[in-house]
PDB file of N, CA and C in Angstrom:
ATOM      1  N   MET A   1     126.045 185.895  96.263  1.00  0.00           N
ATOM      2  CA  MET A   1     125.817 184.570  95.725  1.00  0.00           C
ATOM      3  C   MET A   1     127.111 183.745  95.752  1.00  0.00           C
ATOM      4  N   LYS A   2     128.249 184.396  95.419  1.00  0.00           N
ATOM      5  CA  LYS A   2     129.520 183.685  95.415  1.00  0.00           C
ATOM      6  C   LYS A   2     129.909 183.259  96.833  1.00  0.00           C
ATOM      7  N   LYS A   3     129.495 184.058  97.835  1.00  0.00           N
ATOM      8  CA  LYS A   3     129.799 183.706  99.216  1.00  0.00           C
ATOM      9  C   LYS A   3     129.064 182.429  99.625  1.00  0.00           C
ATOM     10  N   PHE A   4     127.820 182.308  99.167  1.00  0.00           N
ATOM     11  CA  PHE A   4     127.050 181.113  99.502  1.00  0.00           C
ATOM     12  C   PHE A   4     127.614 179.867  98.835  1.00  0.00           C
ATOM     13  N   ILE A   5     128.071 179.998  97.623  1.00  0.00           N
ATOM     14  CA  ILE A   5     128.669 178.862  96.918  1.00  0.00           C
ATOM     15  C   ILE A   5     129.945 178.420  97.636  1.00  0.00           C
ATOM     16  N   GLY A   6     130.767 179.386  98.050  1.00  0.00           N
ATOM     17  CA  GLY A   6     131.984 179.063  98.802  1.00  0.00           C
ATOM     18  C   GLY A   6     131.657 178.402 100.136  1.00  0.00           C
ATOM     19  N   LEU A   7     130.615 178.887 100.804  1.00  0.00           N
ATOM     20  CA  LEU A   7     130.189 178.314 102.075  1.00  0.00           C
ATOM     21  C   LEU A   7     129.693 176.882 101.886  1.00  0.00           C
ATOM     22  N   PHE A   8     128.908 176.643 100.851  1.00  0.00           N
ATOM     23  CA  PHE A   8     128.406 175.296 100.576  1.00  0.00           C
ATOM     24  C   PHE A   8     129.551 174.341 100.234  1.00  0.00           C
ATOM     25  N   ILE A   9     130.525 174.806  99.499  1.00  0.00           N
ATOM     26  CA  ILE A   9     131.687 173.960  99.165  1.00  0.00           C
ATOM     27  C   ILE A   9     132.474 173.621 100.426  1.00  0.00           C
ATOM     28  N   CYS A  10     132.661 174.603 101.296  1.00  0.00           N
ATOM     29  CA  CYS A  10     133.391 174.384 102.557  1.00  0.00           C
ATOM     30  C   CYS A  10     132.650 173.385 103.443  1.00  0.00           C
ATOM     31  N   ILE A  11     131.358 173.552 103.591  1.00  0.00           N
ATOM     32  CA  ILE A  11     130.555 172.634 104.408  1.00  0.00           C
ATOM     33  C   ILE A  11     130.556 171.237 103.780  1.00  0.00           C
ATOM     34  N   GLY A  12     130.440 171.168 102.473  1.00  0.00           N
ATOM     35  CA  GLY A  12     130.464 169.868 101.787  1.00  0.00           C
ATOM     36  C   GLY A  12     131.778 169.136 101.998  1.00  0.00           C
ATOM     37  N   CYS A  13     132.887 169.851 101.955  1.00  0.00           N
ATOM     38  CA  CYS A  13     134.200 169.225 102.183  1.00  0.00           C
ATOM     39  C   CYS A  13     134.317 168.721 103.620  1.00  0.00           C
ATOM     40  N   CYS A  14     133.836 169.514 104.567  1.00  0.00           N
ATOM     41  CA  CYS A  14     133.897 169.104 105.971  1.00  0.00           C
ATOM     42  C   CYS A  14     133.042 167.865 106.225  1.00  0.00           C
ATOM     43  N   LEU A  15     131.884 167.789 105.604  1.00  0.00           N
ATOM     44  CA  LEU A  15     131.002 166.646 105.813  1.00  0.00           C
ATOM     45  C   LEU A  15     131.568 165.363 105.200  1.00  0.00           C
ATOM     46  N   THR A  16     132.339 165.484 104.139  1.00  0.00           N
ATOM     47  CA  THR A  16     132.908 164.282 103.531  1.00  0.00           C
ATOM     48  C   THR A  16     134.179 163.826 104.231  1.00  0.00           C
ATOM     49  N   VAL A  17     134.840 164.696 104.971  1.00  0.00           N
ATOM     50  CA  VAL A  17     136.080 164.334 105.656  1.00  0.00           C
ATOM     51  C   VAL A  17     135.801 163.683 107.005  1.00  0.00           C
ATOM     52  N   PHE A  18     134.826 164.138 107.754  1.00  0.00           N
ATOM     53  CA  PHE A  18     134.580 163.653 109.099  1.00  0.00           C
ATOM     54  C   PHE A  18     134.188 162.176 109.184  1.00  0.00           C
ATOM     55  N   PRO A  19     133.421 161.617 108.265  1.00  0.00           N
ATOM     56  CA  PRO A  19     133.042 160.208 108.406  1.00  0.00           C
ATOM     57  C   PRO A  19     134.178 159.207 108.128  1.00  0.00           C
ATOM     58  N   VAL A  20     135.319 159.647 107.727  1.00  0.00           N
ATOM     59  CA  VAL A  20     136.422 158.741 107.416  1.00  0.00           C
ATOM     60  C   VAL A  20     136.992 158.195 108.727  1.00  0.00           C
ATOM     61  N   PHE A  21     137.126 156.865 108.792  1.00  0.00           N
ATOM     62  CA  PHE A  21     137.636 156.219 109.987  1.00  0.00           C
ATOM     63  C   PHE A  21     139.002 155.609 109.704  1.00  0.00           C
ATOM     64  N   GLY A  22     139.819 155.512 110.727  1.00  0.00           N
ATOM     65  CA  GLY A  22     141.153 154.926 110.605  1.00  0.00           C
ATOM     66  C   GLY A  22     141.107 153.423 110.770  1.00  0.00           C
ATOM     67  N   GLN A  23     142.251 152.857 111.116  1.00  0.00           N
ATOM     68  CA  GLN A  23     142.334 151.425 111.295  1.00  0.00           C
ATOM     69  C   GLN A  23     141.599 150.994 112.546  1.00  0.00           C
ATOM     70  N   GLU A  24     141.378 149.712 112.626  1.00  0.00           N
ATOM     71  CA  GLU A  24     140.727 149.120 113.776  1.00  0.00           C
ATOM     72  C   GLU A  24     141.546 149.419 115.031  1.00  0.00           C
ATOM     73  N   ALA A  25     140.889 149.770 116.123  1.00  0.00           N
ATOM     74  CA  ALA A  25     141.589 150.159 117.340  1.00  0.00           C
ATOM     75  C   ALA A  25     142.362 149.002 117.961  1.00  0.00           C
ATOM     76  N   SER A  26     141.850 147.799 117.857  1.00  0.00           N
ATOM     77  CA  SER A  26     142.511 146.653 118.471  1.00  0.00           C
ATOM     78  C   SER A  26     142.956 145.680 117.395  1.00  0.00           C
ATOM     79  N   SER A  27     144.188 145.207 117.519  1.00  0.00           N
ATOM     80  CA  SER A  27     144.687 144.223 116.567  1.00  0.00           C
ATOM     81  C   SER A  27     144.805 142.855 117.229  1.00  0.00           C
ATOM     82  N   GLN A  28     144.112 142.681 118.363  1.00  0.00           N
ATOM     83  CA  GLN A  28     144.123 141.408 119.085  1.00  0.00           C
ATOM     84  C   GLN A  28     143.190 140.426 118.378  1.00  0.00           C
ATOM     85  N   VAL A  29     143.676 139.215 118.150  1.00  0.00           N
ATOM     86  CA  VAL A  29     142.905 138.180 117.478  1.00  0.00           C
ATOM     87  C   VAL A  29     142.895 136.940 118.373  1.00  0.00           C
ATOM     88  N   CYS A  30     141.739 136.333 118.536  1.00  0.00           N
ATOM     89  CA  CYS A  30     141.620 135.065 119.258  1.00  0.00           C
ATOM     90  C   CYS A  30     140.877 134.082 118.372  1.00  0.00           C
ATOM     91  N   ARG A  31     141.362 132.837 118.351  1.00  0.00           N
ATOM     92  CA  ARG A  31     140.682 131.813 117.567  1.00  0.00           C
ATOM     93  C   ARG A  31     140.969 130.442 118.162  1.00  0.00           C
ATOM     94  N   TRP A  32     140.064 129.525 117.899  1.00  0.00           N
ATOM     95  CA  TRP A  32     140.222 128.153 118.353  1.00  0.00           C
ATOM     96  C   TRP A  32     141.057 127.392 117.337  1.00  0.00           C
ATOM     97  N   VAL A  33     141.997 126.603 117.834  1.00  0.00           N
ATOM     98  CA  VAL A  33     142.909 125.863 116.965  1.00  0.00           C
ATOM     99  C   VAL A  33     142.819 124.381 117.306  1.00  0.00           C
ATOM    100  N   LYS A  34     142.693 123.544 116.262  1.00  0.00           N
ATOM    101  CA  LYS A  34     142.710 122.085 116.414  1.00  0.00           C
ATOM    102  C   LYS A  34     143.971 121.539 115.762  1.00  0.00           C
ATOM    103  N   ASP A  35     144.335 120.335 116.114  1.00  0.00           N
ATOM    104  CA  ASP A  35     145.492 119.649 115.512  1.00  0.00           C
ATOM    105  C   ASP A  35     146.736 120.526 115.537  1.00  0.00           C
ATOM    106  N   PHE A  36     147.163 120.883 116.726  1.00  0.00           N
ATOM    107  CA  PHE A  36     148.295 121.791 116.856  1.00  0.00           C
ATOM    108  C   PHE A  36     149.588 121.081 117.221  1.00  0.00           C
ATOM    109  N   ASN A  37     149.673 119.772 117.032  1.00  0.00           N
ATOM    110  CA  ASN A  37     150.891 119.025 117.348  1.00  0.00           C
ATOM    111  C   ASN A  37     151.973 119.195 116.287  1.00  0.00           C
ATOM    112  N   LYS A  38     151.613 119.747 115.158  1.00  0.00           N
ATOM    113  CA  LYS A  38     152.579 120.009 114.090  1.00  0.00           C
ATOM    114  C   LYS A  38     152.552 121.499 113.759  1.00  0.00           C
ATOM    115  N   PRO A  39     153.625 122.029 113.147  1.00  0.00           N
ATOM    116  CA  PRO A  39     153.633 123.463 112.812  1.00  0.00           C
ATOM    117  C   PRO A  39     152.479 123.828 111.871  1.00  0.00           C
ATOM    118  N   PHE A  40     151.848 124.965 112.128  1.00  0.00           N
ATOM    119  CA  PHE A  40     150.770 125.440 111.266  1.00  0.00           C
ATOM    120  C   PHE A  40     150.937 126.927 111.021  1.00  0.00           C
ATOM    121  N   TYR A  41     150.388 127.386 109.910  1.00  0.00           N
ATOM    122  CA  TYR A  41     150.461 128.787 109.492  1.00  0.00           C
ATOM    123  C   TYR A  41     149.531 129.597 110.379  1.00  0.00           C
ATOM    124  N   LEU A  42     150.076 130.617 111.052  1.00  0.00           N
ATOM    125  CA  LEU A  42     149.301 131.360 112.041  1.00  0.00           C
ATOM    126  C   LEU A  42     148.442 132.464 111.429  1.00  0.00           C
ATOM    127  N   ASP A  43     149.045 133.366 110.655  1.00  0.00           N
ATOM    128  CA  ASP A  43     148.301 134.509 110.128  1.00  0.00           C
ATOM    129  C   ASP A  43     149.024 135.057 108.906  1.00  0.00           C
ATOM    130  N   SER A  44     148.285 135.744 108.036  1.00  0.00           N
ATOM    131  CA  SER A  44     148.907 136.335 106.848  1.00  0.00           C
ATOM    132  C   SER A  44     149.638 137.634 107.176  1.00  0.00           C
ATOM    133  N   LEU A  45     149.315 138.256 108.320  1.00  0.00           N
ATOM    134  CA  LEU A  45     150.002 139.465 108.757  1.00  0.00           C
ATOM    135  C   LEU A  45     151.095 139.103 109.758  1.00  0.00           C
ATOM    136  N   THR A  46     151.989 140.036 110.032  1.00  0.00           N
ATOM    137  CA  THR A  46     153.072 139.810 110.988  1.00  0.00           C
ATOM    138  C   THR A  46     152.512 139.748 112.402  1.00  0.00           C
ATOM    139  N   VAL A  47     152.929 138.745 113.156  1.00  0.00           N
ATOM    140  CA  VAL A  47     152.450 138.521 114.514  1.00  0.00           C
ATOM    141  C   VAL A  47     153.519 138.948 115.510  1.00  0.00           C
ATOM    142  N   ASP A  48     153.096 139.585 116.601  1.00  0.00           N
ATOM    143  CA  ASP A  48     154.006 139.941 117.685  1.00  0.00           C
ATOM    144  C   ASP A  48     154.265 138.675 118.508  1.00  0.00           C
ATOM    145  N   PRO A  49     155.470 138.107 118.460  1.00  0.00           N
ATOM    146  CA  PRO A  49     155.735 136.842 119.164  1.00  0.00           C
ATOM    147  C   PRO A  49     155.514 136.920 120.675  1.00  0.00           C
ATOM    148  N   ALA A  50     155.727 138.074 121.270  1.00  0.00           N
ATOM    149  CA  ALA A  50     155.558 138.216 122.717  1.00  0.00           C
ATOM    150  C   ALA A  50     154.091 138.231 123.132  1.00  0.00           C
ATOM    151  N   SER A  51     153.190 138.399 122.193  1.00  0.00           N
ATOM    152  CA  SER A  51     151.774 138.505 122.535  1.00  0.00           C
ATOM    153  C   SER A  51     151.025 137.179 122.413  1.00  0.00           C
ATOM    154  N   ILE A  52     151.671 136.116 121.992  1.00  0.00           N
ATOM    155  CA  ILE A  52     150.998 134.837 121.766  1.00  0.00           C
ATOM    156  C   ILE A  52     150.660 134.188 123.105  1.00  0.00           C
ATOM    157  N   LEU A  53     149.366 133.899 123.303  1.00  0.00           N
ATOM    158  CA  LEU A  53     148.881 133.242 124.512  1.00  0.00           C
ATOM    159  C   LEU A  53     148.089 132.002 124.129  1.00  0.00           C
ATOM    160  N   VAL A  54     148.376 130.898 124.804  1.00  0.00           N
ATOM    161  CA  VAL A  54     147.642 129.650 124.597  1.00  0.00           C
ATOM    162  C   VAL A  54     146.833 129.390 125.852  1.00  0.00           C
ATOM    163  N   MET A  55     145.514 129.242 125.695  1.00  0.00           N
ATOM    164  CA  MET A  55     144.645 129.032 126.848  1.00  0.00           C
ATOM    165  C   MET A  55     143.938 127.691 126.736  1.00  0.00           C
ATOM    166  N   GLU A  56     144.265 126.811 127.700  1.00  0.00           N
ATOM    167  CA  GLU A  56     143.611 125.507 127.729  1.00  0.00           C
ATOM    168  C   GLU A  56     143.653 124.969 129.149  1.00  0.00           C
ATOM    169  N   GLY A  57     142.726 125.357 129.961  1.00  0.00           N
ATOM    170  CA  GLY A  57     142.596 124.842 131.319  1.00  0.00           C
ATOM    171  C   GLY A  57     143.870 124.950 132.141  1.00  0.00           C
ATOM    172  N   ASP A  58     144.235 123.841 132.777  1.00  0.00           N
ATOM    173  CA  ASP A  58     145.388 123.815 133.673  1.00  0.00           C
ATOM    174  C   ASP A  58     146.663 123.315 133.008  1.00  0.00           C
ATOM    175  N   SER A  59     146.592 122.842 131.795  1.00  0.00           N
ATOM    176  CA  SER A  59     147.777 122.250 131.171  1.00  0.00           C
ATOM    177  C   SER A  59     148.808 123.318 130.810  1.00  0.00           C
ATOM    178  N   MET A  60     150.044 122.912 130.763  1.00  0.00           N
ATOM    179  CA  MET A  60     151.146 123.809 130.427  1.00  0.00           C
ATOM    180  C   MET A  60     151.490 123.643 128.945  1.00  0.00           C
ATOM    181  N   LEU A  61     151.013 124.540 128.140  1.00  0.00           N
ATOM    182  CA  LEU A  61     151.305 124.530 126.709  1.00  0.00           C
ATOM    183  C   LEU A  61     152.145 125.749 126.375  1.00  0.00           C
ATOM    184  N   VAL A  62     153.206 125.532 125.619  1.00  0.00           N
ATOM    185  CA  VAL A  62     154.138 126.605 125.290  1.00  0.00           C
ATOM    186  C   VAL A  62     154.121 126.834 123.781  1.00  0.00           C
ATOM    187  N   PRO A  63     153.867 128.073 123.334  1.00  0.00           N
ATOM    188  CA  PRO A  63     153.904 128.346 121.897  1.00  0.00           C
ATOM    189  C   PRO A  63     155.344 128.516 121.414  1.00  0.00           C
ATOM    190  N   SER A  64     155.621 127.953 120.249  1.00  0.00           N
ATOM    191  CA  SER A  64     156.921 128.115 119.605  1.00  0.00           C
ATOM    192  C   SER A  64     156.671 128.704 118.219  1.00  0.00           C
ATOM    193  N   TYR A  65     156.932 129.999 118.085  1.00  0.00           N
ATOM    194  CA  TYR A  65     156.619 130.731 116.850  1.00  0.00           C
ATOM    195  C   TYR A  65     157.881 130.976 116.043  1.00  0.00           C
ATOM    196  N   ASP A  66     157.815 130.689 114.751  1.00  0.00           N
ATOM    197  CA  ASP A  66     158.919 130.950 113.829  1.00  0.00           C
ATOM    198  C   ASP A  66     158.531 132.144 112.953  1.00  0.00           C
ATOM    199  N   PRO A  67     159.045 133.353 113.256  1.00  0.00           N
ATOM    200  CA  PRO A  67     158.624 134.540 112.507  1.00  0.00           C
ATOM    201  C   PRO A  67     159.081 134.543 111.052  1.00  0.00           C
ATOM    202  N   THR A  68     160.141 133.823 110.726  1.00  0.00           N
ATOM    203  CA  THR A  68     160.604 133.811 109.337  1.00  0.00           C
ATOM    204  C   THR A  68     159.638 133.052 108.436  1.00  0.00           C
ATOM    205  N   LYS A  69     158.994 132.018 108.966  1.00  0.00           N
ATOM    206  CA  LYS A  69     158.035 131.228 108.188  1.00  0.00           C
ATOM    207  C   LYS A  69     156.588 131.585 108.512  1.00  0.00           C
ATOM    208  N   GLY A  70     156.376 132.245 109.664  1.00  0.00           N
ATOM    209  CA  GLY A  70     155.017 132.575 110.075  1.00  0.00           C
ATOM    210  C   GLY A  70     154.269 131.371 110.621  1.00  0.00           C
ATOM    211  N   THR A  71     155.007 130.361 111.103  1.00  0.00           N
ATOM    212  CA  THR A  71     154.365 129.151 111.610  1.00  0.00           C
ATOM    213  C   THR A  71     154.474 129.070 113.129  1.00  0.00           C
ATOM    214  N   LEU A  72     153.535 128.377 113.716  1.00  0.00           N
ATOM    215  CA  LEU A  72     153.481 128.204 115.158  1.00  0.00           C
ATOM    216  C   LEU A  72     153.329 126.727 115.476  1.00  0.00           C
ATOM    217  N   MET A  73     154.017 126.287 116.520  1.00  0.00           N
ATOM    218  CA  MET A  73     153.846 124.930 117.026  1.00  0.00           C
ATOM    219  C   MET A  73     153.627 125.050 118.522  1.00  0.00           C
ATOM    220  N   ILE A  74     152.640 124.345 119.028  1.00  0.00           N
ATOM    221  CA  ILE A  74     152.332 124.393 120.454  1.00  0.00           C
ATOM    222  C   ILE A  74     152.887 123.124 121.082  1.00  0.00           C
ATOM    223  N   ILE A  75     153.763 123.317 122.064  1.00  0.00           N
ATOM    224  CA  ILE A  75     154.470 122.201 122.688  1.00  0.00           C
ATOM    225  C   ILE A  75     153.883 121.948 124.075  1.00  0.00           C
ATOM    226  N   GLY A  76     153.634 120.687 124.398  1.00  0.00           N
ATOM    227  CA  GLY A  76     153.121 120.315 125.716  1.00  0.00           C
ATOM    228  C   GLY A  76     152.141 119.173 125.608  1.00  0.00           C
ATOM    229  N   ASN A  77     151.627 118.757 126.741  1.00  0.00           N
ATOM    230  CA  ASN A  77     150.659 117.667 126.784  1.00  0.00           C
ATOM    231  C   ASN A  77     149.269 118.192 126.485  1.00  0.00           C
ATOM    232  N   GLN A  78     148.715 117.706 125.420  1.00  0.00           N
ATOM    233  CA  GLN A  78     147.396 118.140 124.978  1.00  0.00           C
ATOM    234  C   GLN A  78     146.334 117.361 125.743  1.00  0.00           C
ATOM    235  N   GLN A  79     145.437 118.085 126.410  1.00  0.00           N
ATOM    236  CA  GLN A  79     144.372 117.425 127.162  1.00  0.00           C
ATOM    237  C   GLN A  79     143.012 117.563 126.478  1.00  0.00           C
ATOM    238  N   SER A  80     142.895 118.434 125.531  1.00  0.00           N
ATOM    239  CA  SER A  80     141.631 118.588 124.815  1.00  0.00           C
ATOM    240  C   SER A  80     141.904 118.600 123.314  1.00  0.00           C
ATOM    241  N   ASP A  81     140.831 118.589 122.544  1.00  0.00           N
ATOM    242  CA  ASP A  81     140.991 118.533 121.088  1.00  0.00           C
ATOM    243  C   ASP A  81     141.302 119.889 120.469  1.00  0.00           C
ATOM    244  N   SER A  82     141.109 120.999 121.217  1.00  0.00           N
ATOM    245  CA  SER A  82     141.399 122.326 120.687  1.00  0.00           C
ATOM    246  C   SER A  82     141.796 123.269 121.825  1.00  0.00           C
ATOM    247  N   VAL A  83     142.468 124.349 121.464  1.00  0.00           N
ATOM    248  CA  VAL A  83     142.878 125.369 122.433  1.00  0.00           C
ATOM    249  C   VAL A  83     142.505 126.743 121.888  1.00  0.00           C
ATOM    250  N   LEU A  84     142.368 127.692 122.788  1.00  0.00           N
ATOM    251  CA  LEU A  84     142.110 129.070 122.390  1.00  0.00           C
ATOM    252  C   LEU A  84     143.453 129.780 122.274  1.00  0.00           C
ATOM    253  N   LEU A  85     143.710 130.311 121.109  1.00  0.00           N
ATOM    254  CA  LEU A  85     144.978 130.971 120.819  1.00  0.00           C
ATOM    255  C   LEU A  85     144.711 132.448 120.579  1.00  0.00           C
ATOM    256  N   CYS A  86     145.379 133.312 121.344  1.00  0.00           N
ATOM    257  CA  CYS A  86     145.215 134.761 121.184  1.00  0.00           C
ATOM    258  C   CYS A  86     146.576 135.372 120.863  1.00  0.00           C
ATOM    259  N   TYR A  87     146.593 136.338 119.977  1.00  0.00           N
ATOM    260  CA  TYR A  87     147.830 137.014 119.587  1.00  0.00           C
ATOM    261  C   TYR A  87     147.500 138.380 119.017  1.00  0.00           C
ATOM    262  N   ARG A  88     148.528 139.211 118.932  1.00  0.00           N
ATOM    263  CA  ARG A  88     148.375 140.559 118.363  1.00  0.00           C
ATOM    264  C   ARG A  88     149.118 140.581 117.037  1.00  0.00           C
ATOM    265  N   ARG A  89     148.502 141.168 116.047  1.00  0.00           N
ATOM    266  CA  ARG A  89     149.167 141.256 114.741  1.00  0.00           C
ATOM    267  C   ARG A  89     149.391 142.712 114.365  1.00  0.00           C
ATOM    268  N   PHE A  90     150.454 142.895 113.584  1.00  0.00           N
ATOM    269  CA  PHE A  90     150.798 144.236 113.094  1.00  0.00           C
ATOM    270  C   PHE A  90     150.123 144.450 111.753  1.00  0.00           C
ATOM    271  N   PRO A  91     149.615 145.661 111.510  1.00  0.00           N
ATOM    272  CA  PRO A  91     148.964 145.940 110.213  1.00  0.00           C
ATOM    273  C   PRO A  91     149.949 146.023 109.076  1.00  0.00           C
TER     274      PRO A  91
END
């Protein structure tokens, strides 16, 4: 009887451990941004400055990120009202 109780406890522990999942596999974030001619707050988590991509057709837009303040300013000639901004953040 004691062997069965030990076996049930062991199986119960294994079943409760396996469903635990870790962090999200991808930390890539993409979002649409409007009114980007002035500095704006990018994210509450730390952003990898080398991963910032601005996508807006053929125009040349350059991101200028200030990691000390967490703000981003997009420099260039704006041809549309919004741009797609993608970046990677650290957990």
